Amino acid sequence: MEIKKDNYFENARNFFLVADQEELVRKLGLQADGDFIYLRVMDIQYRISQKLGDIQRSKDGINYMYEKSHDAALSIFDYLTWSKDDRKLSGEFVSLKGMGFNSHAYLFEGHGGIYERGGAMFSGKSGKLSKVLDRFDGKKMGSADVSSVFEVFDGFPICFQFWEGDDEYTPRIFFLWDANTAQFIHLETTFYLLNMVLDRMAELFEEEIN
């Protein structure tokens, strides 16, 4: 299955292709060899074709395969092209609403949204979930039944929280963001980024189960 190449994808890739790629490499402290720009995303090594904008991923940094995730592509392109040269973390984690971003709340919090789907995925399996989070070299927190702060991109952390369900509440996940997230990605991109994160967590979760 090929990546979905809709207008969002094509626009994001074109922004990357017309950008000063040497400047992108410099501002983000990345490696490049004239053919590819290399980027770590959680525990996966990525490389992006500097001429075509094709995105490939590798678990070992040697054997690469084409990325098929539309969410991953949009997240990576946005991080590369939008991140500010003077970006700086605030050190304060807040909700999207805490940053004044409410337009996509139903995609996160609504019935069948990201938080509900993630809660159902990890319900009753908190031990395996903790092992998955360990793969991201995160810092365990005490703010939920399972929680961790880990970097999605180098220097860009998010806070993951999971609460097991009970008689009153269904299991839920929640994500908190650095208050300066908009210096790294568009806030609209958070939806794609969380889908990318959960897809990778689901892959690792299956490995732990099997």
C-alpha atoms as a PDB file:
ATOM      1  CA  MET A   1       0.000   0.000   0.000  1.00  0.00           C
ATOM      2  CA  GLU A   2       1.381   3.393  -1.035  1.00  0.00           C
ATOM      3  CA  ILE A   3       1.207   6.483   1.091  1.00  0.00           C
ATOM      4  CA  LYS A   4      -1.927   8.567   0.527  1.00  0.00           C
ATOM      5  CA  LYS A   5      -0.763  11.415  -1.702  1.00  0.00           C
ATOM      6  CA  ASP A   6      -3.538  13.956  -1.204  1.00  0.00           C
ATOM      7  CA  ASN A   7      -3.243  17.741  -1.371  1.00  0.00           C
ATOM      8  CA  TYR A   8      -2.045  17.898   2.240  1.00  0.00           C
ATOM      9  CA  PHE A   9       0.792  15.505   1.456  1.00  0.00           C
ATOM     10  CA  GLU A  10       1.763  17.164  -1.827  1.00  0.00           C
ATOM     11  CA  ASN A  11       1.783  20.624  -0.275  1.00  0.00           C
ATOM     12  CA  ALA A  12       3.886  19.450   2.673  1.00  0.00           C
ATOM     13  CA  ARG A  13       6.373  17.681   0.399  1.00  0.00           C
ATOM     14  CA  ASN A  14       6.610  20.699  -1.902  1.00  0.00           C
ATOM     15  CA  PHE A  15       7.357  22.964   1.064  1.00  0.00           C
ATOM     16  CA  PHE A  16      10.225  20.625   1.887  1.00  0.00           C
ATOM     17  CA  LEU A  17      11.541  20.404  -1.680  1.00  0.00           C
ATOM     18  CA  VAL A  18      11.641  24.182  -2.220  1.00  0.00           C
ATOM     19  CA  ALA A  19      13.128  24.884   1.213  1.00  0.00           C
ATOM     20  CA  ASP A  20      16.799  25.643   1.774  1.00  0.00           C
ATOM     21  CA  GLN A  21      17.678  22.127   2.871  1.00  0.00           C
ATOM     22  CA  GLU A  22      21.124  23.065   4.108  1.00  0.00           C
ATOM     23  CA  GLU A  23      19.381  25.510   6.422  1.00  0.00           C
ATOM     24  CA  LEU A  24      16.966  22.795   7.624  1.00  0.00           C
ATOM     25  CA  VAL A  25      19.900  20.533   8.439  1.00  0.00           C
ATOM     26  CA  ARG A  26      21.710  23.327  10.247  1.00  0.00           C
ATOM     27  CA  LYS A  27      18.822  24.593  12.372  1.00  0.00           C
ATOM     28  CA  LEU A  28      17.803  21.096  13.516  1.00  0.00           C
ATOM     29  CA  GLY A  29      21.312  19.676  13.913  1.00  0.00           C
ATOM     30  CA  LEU A  30      20.635  16.817  11.500  1.00  0.00           C
ATOM     31  CA  GLN A  31      22.888  14.674   9.330  1.00  0.00           C
ATOM     32  CA  ALA A  32      22.761  14.743   5.522  1.00  0.00           C
ATOM     33  CA  ASP A  33      24.842  13.219   2.742  1.00  0.00           C
ATOM     34  CA  GLY A  34      23.624  15.027  -0.379  1.00  0.00           C
ATOM     35  CA  ASP A  35      21.022  12.365  -1.128  1.00  0.00           C
ATOM     36  CA  PHE A  36      19.158  12.089   2.171  1.00  0.00           C
ATOM     37  CA  ILE A  37      18.480  14.020   5.350  1.00  0.00           C
ATOM     38  CA  TYR A  38      18.502  11.726   8.400  1.00  0.00           C
ATOM     39  CA  LEU A  39      16.096  12.139  11.295  1.00  0.00           C
ATOM     40  CA  ARG A  40      15.231  10.128  14.411  1.00  0.00           C
ATOM     41  CA  VAL A  41      11.540   9.781  15.258  1.00  0.00           C
ATOM     42  CA  MET A  42      10.995   8.032  18.596  1.00  0.00           C
ATOM     43  CA  ASP A  43      12.967   4.791  18.178  1.00  0.00           C
ATOM     44  CA  ILE A  44      12.978   4.771  14.365  1.00  0.00           C
ATOM     45  CA  GLN A  45      15.628   6.156  12.012  1.00  0.00           C
ATOM     46  CA  TYR A  46      14.238   8.024   9.012  1.00  0.00           C
ATOM     47  CA  ARG A  47      15.789   9.396   5.872  1.00  0.00           C
ATOM     48  CA  ILE A  48      14.165  11.830   3.463  1.00  0.00           C
ATOM     49  CA  SER A  49      15.217  12.104  -0.179  1.00  0.00           C
ATOM     50  CA  GLN A  50      16.505  15.615  -0.779  1.00  0.00           C
ATOM     51  CA  LYS A  51      15.553  15.489  -4.469  1.00  0.00           C
ATOM     52  CA  LEU A  52      12.208  13.647  -4.378  1.00  0.00           C
ATOM     53  CA  GLY A  53      10.906  14.038  -0.831  1.00  0.00           C
ATOM     54  CA  ASP A  54      10.417  10.284  -0.442  1.00  0.00           C
ATOM     55  CA  ILE A  55      10.452   9.152   3.189  1.00  0.00           C
ATOM     56  CA  GLN A  56      12.025   5.867   4.294  1.00  0.00           C
ATOM     57  CA  ARG A  57      12.269   4.298   7.732  1.00  0.00           C
ATOM     58  CA  SER A  58      14.614   1.790   9.361  1.00  0.00           C
ATOM     59  CA  LYS A  59      14.671  -0.052  12.666  1.00  0.00           C
ATOM     60  CA  ASP A  60      18.417  -0.735  12.470  1.00  0.00           C
ATOM     61  CA  GLY A  61      19.705   2.272  10.507  1.00  0.00           C
ATOM     62  CA  ILE A  62      20.812  -0.039   7.688  1.00  0.00           C
ATOM     63  CA  ASN A  63      17.785  -1.599   6.022  1.00  0.00           C
ATOM     64  CA  TYR A  64      15.208   0.958   4.902  1.00  0.00           C
ATOM     65  CA  MET A  65      11.639   0.659   3.676  1.00  0.00           C
ATOM     66  CA  TYR A  66       9.300   3.321   2.314  1.00  0.00           C
ATOM     67  CA  GLU A  67       7.083   4.988   4.886  1.00  0.00           C
ATOM     68  CA  LYS A  68       3.413   4.312   4.113  1.00  0.00           C
ATOM     69  CA  SER A  69       1.886   6.445   6.842  1.00  0.00           C
ATOM     70  CA  HIS A  70       0.256   9.683   5.736  1.00  0.00           C
ATOM     71  CA  ASP A  71       0.324  10.850   9.373  1.00  0.00           C
ATOM     72  CA  ALA A  72       4.065  10.255   9.690  1.00  0.00           C
ATOM     73  CA  ALA A  73       4.821  12.057   6.429  1.00  0.00           C
ATOM     74  CA  LEU A  74       2.844  15.170   7.351  1.00  0.00           C
ATOM     75  CA  SER A  75       4.369  15.245  10.838  1.00  0.00           C
ATOM     76  CA  ILE A  76       7.936  14.901   9.569  1.00  0.00           C
ATOM     77  CA  PHE A  77       7.608  17.458   6.779  1.00  0.00           C
ATOM     78  CA  ASP A  78       6.000  19.976   9.121  1.00  0.00           C
ATOM     79  CA  TYR A  79       8.687  19.547  11.776  1.00  0.00           C
ATOM     80  CA  LEU A  80      11.442  19.981   9.197  1.00  0.00           C
ATOM     81  CA  THR A  81      10.021  23.064   7.514  1.00  0.00           C
ATOM     82  CA  TRP A  82       8.113  24.835  10.311  1.00  0.00           C
ATOM     83  CA  SER A  83      10.490  24.543  13.291  1.00  0.00           C
ATOM     84  CA  LYS A  84      11.770  27.979  14.189  1.00  0.00           C
ATOM     85  CA  ASP A  85      15.461  28.757  14.260  1.00  0.00           C
ATOM     86  CA  ASP A  86      15.065  30.225  17.757  1.00  0.00           C
ATOM     87  CA  ARG A  87      12.642  27.551  19.020  1.00  0.00           C
ATOM     88  CA  LYS A  88      12.848  26.886  22.739  1.00  0.00           C
ATOM     89  CA  LEU A  89      10.988  24.567  25.079  1.00  0.00           C
ATOM     90  CA  SER A  90       9.101  26.221  27.920  1.00  0.00           C
ATOM     91  CA  GLY A  91       9.406  23.216  30.238  1.00  0.00           C
ATOM     92  CA  GLU A  92       5.681  23.461  30.991  1.00  0.00           C
ATOM     93  CA  PHE A  93       3.326  20.746  29.732  1.00  0.00           C
ATOM     94  CA  VAL A  94      -0.206  21.830  28.903  1.00  0.00           C
ATOM     95  CA  SER A  95      -3.213  20.515  27.005  1.00  0.00           C
ATOM     96  CA  LEU A  96      -4.015  21.691  23.496  1.00  0.00           C
ATOM     97  CA  LYS A  97      -6.875  23.688  24.974  1.00  0.00           C
ATOM     98  CA  GLY A  98      -4.366  25.218  27.345  1.00  0.00           C
ATOM     99  CA  MET A  99      -2.608  26.605  24.267  1.00  0.00           C
ATOM    100  CA  GLY A 100      -5.902  27.970  22.973  1.00  0.00           C
ATOM    101  CA  PHE A 101      -6.282  25.284  20.293  1.00  0.00           C
ATOM    102  CA  ASN A 102      -9.835  23.937  20.301  1.00  0.00           C
ATOM    103  CA  SER A 103     -10.724  23.436  16.642  1.00  0.00           C
ATOM    104  CA  HIS A 104     -10.006  19.693  16.505  1.00  0.00           C
ATOM    105  CA  ALA A 105     -11.068  18.763  20.046  1.00  0.00           C
ATOM    106  CA  TYR A 106     -13.615  16.188  18.836  1.00  0.00           C
ATOM    107  CA  LEU A 107     -10.879  14.271  16.978  1.00  0.00           C
ATOM    108  CA  PHE A 108      -9.043  13.836  20.266  1.00  0.00           C
ATOM    109  CA  GLU A 109     -11.755  13.720  22.905  1.00  0.00           C
ATOM    110  CA  GLY A 110     -14.917  12.732  21.028  1.00  0.00           C
ATOM    111  CA  HIS A 111     -16.490   9.279  20.800  1.00  0.00           C
ATOM    112  CA  GLY A 112     -14.112   7.078  18.821  1.00  0.00           C
ATOM    113  CA  GLY A 113     -11.418   9.755  19.009  1.00  0.00           C
ATOM    114  CA  ILE A 114      -7.716   9.273  19.647  1.00  0.00           C
ATOM    115  CA  TYR A 115      -7.968   9.265  23.448  1.00  0.00           C
ATOM    116  CA  GLU A 116     -10.733   6.670  23.534  1.00  0.00           C
ATOM    117  CA  ARG A 117      -9.126   4.430  20.901  1.00  0.00           C
ATOM    118  CA  GLY A 118      -5.812   4.519  22.705  1.00  0.00           C
ATOM    119  CA  GLY A 119      -7.446   3.672  26.015  1.00  0.00           C
ATOM    120  CA  ALA A 120      -9.161   0.629  24.518  1.00  0.00           C
ATOM    121  CA  MET A 121      -5.887  -0.520  22.952  1.00  0.00           C
ATOM    122  CA  PHE A 122      -3.978  -0.548  26.242  1.00  0.00           C
ATOM    123  CA  SER A 123      -6.748  -1.528  28.668  1.00  0.00           C
ATOM    124  CA  GLY A 124      -5.684  -4.322  31.017  1.00  0.00           C
ATOM    125  CA  LYS A 125      -2.145  -4.349  29.618  1.00  0.00           C
ATOM    126  CA  SER A 126      -0.363  -1.645  31.601  1.00  0.00           C
ATOM    127  CA  GLY A 127       2.721  -3.830  32.092  1.00  0.00           C
ATOM    128  CA  LYS A 128       3.257  -4.237  28.357  1.00  0.00           C
ATOM    129  CA  LEU A 129       2.489  -0.561  27.838  1.00  0.00           C
ATOM    130  CA  SER A 130       5.282   0.371  30.255  1.00  0.00           C
ATOM    131  CA  LYS A 131       7.717  -1.808  28.284  1.00  0.00           C
ATOM    132  CA  VAL A 132       6.697  -0.090  25.053  1.00  0.00           C
ATOM    133  CA  LEU A 133       7.316   3.332  26.568  1.00  0.00           C
ATOM    134  CA  ASP A 134      10.744   2.160  27.741  1.00  0.00           C
ATOM    135  CA  ARG A 135      11.673   1.732  24.065  1.00  0.00           C
ATOM    136  CA  PHE A 136      11.402   5.503  23.681  1.00  0.00           C
ATOM    137  CA  ASP A 137      13.898   6.154  26.514  1.00  0.00           C
ATOM    138  CA  GLY A 138      11.331   8.311  28.245  1.00  0.00           C
ATOM    139  CA  LYS A 139      11.082   9.516  31.810  1.00  0.00           C
ATOM    140  CA  LYS A 140       8.400   7.790  33.856  1.00  0.00           C
ATOM    141  CA  MET A 141       5.971  10.106  35.575  1.00  0.00           C
ATOM    142  CA  GLY A 142       3.489   9.584  38.404  1.00  0.00           C
ATOM    143  CA  SER A 143       0.598  11.551  36.962  1.00  0.00           C
ATOM    144  CA  ALA A 144      -1.522   8.565  35.793  1.00  0.00           C
ATOM    145  CA  ASP A 145      -1.689   4.761  35.973  1.00  0.00           C
ATOM    146  CA  VAL A 146       1.045   4.744  33.309  1.00  0.00           C
ATOM    147  CA  SER A 147       2.757   7.898  32.112  1.00  0.00           C
ATOM    148  CA  SER A 148       5.971   8.926  30.415  1.00  0.00           C
ATOM    149  CA  VAL A 149       7.645  11.958  28.876  1.00  0.00           C
ATOM    150  CA  PHE A 150       9.532  11.003  25.715  1.00  0.00           C
ATOM    151  CA  GLU A 151      10.909  12.693  22.628  1.00  0.00           C
ATOM    152  CA  VAL A 152       9.069  12.288  19.337  1.00  0.00           C
ATOM    153  CA  PHE A 153      11.749  14.266  17.511  1.00  0.00           C
ATOM    154  CA  ASP A 154      15.115  15.089  19.041  1.00  0.00           C
ATOM    155  CA  GLY A 155      14.499  17.944  21.442  1.00  0.00           C
ATOM    156  CA  PHE A 156      10.712  17.787  21.129  1.00  0.00           C
ATOM    157  CA  PRO A 157       9.085  15.834  24.001  1.00  0.00           C
ATOM    158  CA  ILE A 158       5.451  15.048  24.709  1.00  0.00           C
ATOM    159  CA  CYS A 159       3.809  13.667  27.848  1.00  0.00           C
ATOM    160  CA  PHE A 160       1.732  10.488  27.519  1.00  0.00           C
ATOM    161  CA  GLN A 161      -0.796   9.470  30.180  1.00  0.00           C
ATOM    162  CA  PHE A 162      -2.966   6.357  30.495  1.00  0.00           C
ATOM    163  CA  TRP A 163      -5.777   5.718  32.954  1.00  0.00           C
ATOM    164  CA  GLU A 164      -7.305   2.277  33.334  1.00  0.00           C
ATOM    165  CA  GLY A 165     -11.088   2.121  33.278  1.00  0.00           C
ATOM    166  CA  ASP A 166     -13.395   1.474  36.215  1.00  0.00           C
ATOM    167  CA  ASP A 167     -17.118   1.275  36.913  1.00  0.00           C
ATOM    168  CA  GLU A 168     -17.544   4.951  36.150  1.00  0.00           C
ATOM    169  CA  TYR A 169     -15.010   5.738  33.423  1.00  0.00           C
ATOM    170  CA  THR A 170     -13.760   3.989  30.312  1.00  0.00           C
ATOM    171  CA  PRO A 171      -9.981   3.607  29.877  1.00  0.00           C
ATOM    172  CA  ARG A 172      -8.450   6.743  28.400  1.00  0.00           C
ATOM    173  CA  ILE A 173      -5.176   8.135  27.216  1.00  0.00           C
ATOM    174  CA  PHE A 174      -4.189  11.782  27.193  1.00  0.00           C
ATOM    175  CA  PHE A 175      -1.294  13.807  25.818  1.00  0.00           C
ATOM    176  CA  LEU A 176       0.235  17.006  27.109  1.00  0.00           C
ATOM    177  CA  TRP A 177       2.395  19.334  25.055  1.00  0.00           C
ATOM    178  CA  ASP A 178       5.147  21.790  25.773  1.00  0.00           C
ATOM    179  CA  ALA A 179       3.613  25.256  25.888  1.00  0.00           C
ATOM    180  CA  ASN A 180       5.930  26.294  23.025  1.00  0.00           C
ATOM    181  CA  THR A 181       4.889  23.445  20.717  1.00  0.00           C
ATOM    182  CA  ALA A 182       3.882  25.949  18.011  1.00  0.00           C
ATOM    183  CA  GLN A 183       7.580  26.832  17.650  1.00  0.00           C
ATOM    184  CA  PHE A 184       8.202  23.248  16.474  1.00  0.00           C
ATOM    185  CA  ILE A 185       5.078  22.222  14.521  1.00  0.00           C
ATOM    186  CA  HIS A 186       1.755  23.749  13.533  1.00  0.00           C
ATOM    187  CA  LEU A 187      -0.829  22.983  16.204  1.00  0.00           C
ATOM    188  CA  GLU A 188      -3.021  21.491  13.467  1.00  0.00           C
ATOM    189  CA  THR A 189      -0.286  18.885  12.949  1.00  0.00           C
ATOM    190  CA  THR A 190      -0.736  17.508  16.477  1.00  0.00           C
ATOM    191  CA  PHE A 191      -3.552  15.280  15.191  1.00  0.00           C
ATOM    192  CA  TYR A 192      -1.274  13.637  12.621  1.00  0.00           C
ATOM    193  CA  LEU A 193       1.602  13.416  15.070  1.00  0.00           C
ATOM    194  CA  LEU A 194      -0.471  11.599  17.695  1.00  0.00           C
ATOM    195  CA  ASN A 195      -1.710   9.133  15.094  1.00  0.00           C
ATOM    196  CA  MET A 196       1.932   8.510  14.145  1.00  0.00           C
ATOM    197  CA  VAL A 197       2.893   8.006  17.801  1.00  0.00           C
ATOM    198  CA  LEU A 198       0.020   5.602  18.483  1.00  0.00           C
ATOM    199  CA  ASP A 199       0.752   3.640  15.304  1.00  0.00           C
ATOM    200  CA  ARG A 200       4.329   3.094  16.480  1.00  0.00           C
ATOM    201  CA  MET A 201       3.164   2.203  19.980  1.00  0.00           C
ATOM    202  CA  ALA A 202       0.725  -0.322  18.477  1.00  0.00           C
ATOM    203  CA  GLU A 203       3.555  -1.914  16.465  1.00  0.00           C
ATOM    204  CA  LEU A 204       5.690  -2.300  19.573  1.00  0.00           C
ATOM    205  CA  PHE A 205       2.689  -3.469  21.572  1.00  0.00           C
ATOM    206  CA  GLU A 206       2.157  -6.336  19.132  1.00  0.00           C
ATOM    207  CA  GLU A 207       5.815  -7.300  19.493  1.00  0.00           C
ATOM    208  CA  GLU A 208       5.439  -7.414  23.282  1.00  0.00           C
ATOM    209  CA  ILE A 209       2.287  -9.547  23.030  1.00  0.00           C
ATOM    210  CA  ASN A 210       3.860 -11.957  20.572  1.00  0.00           C
END
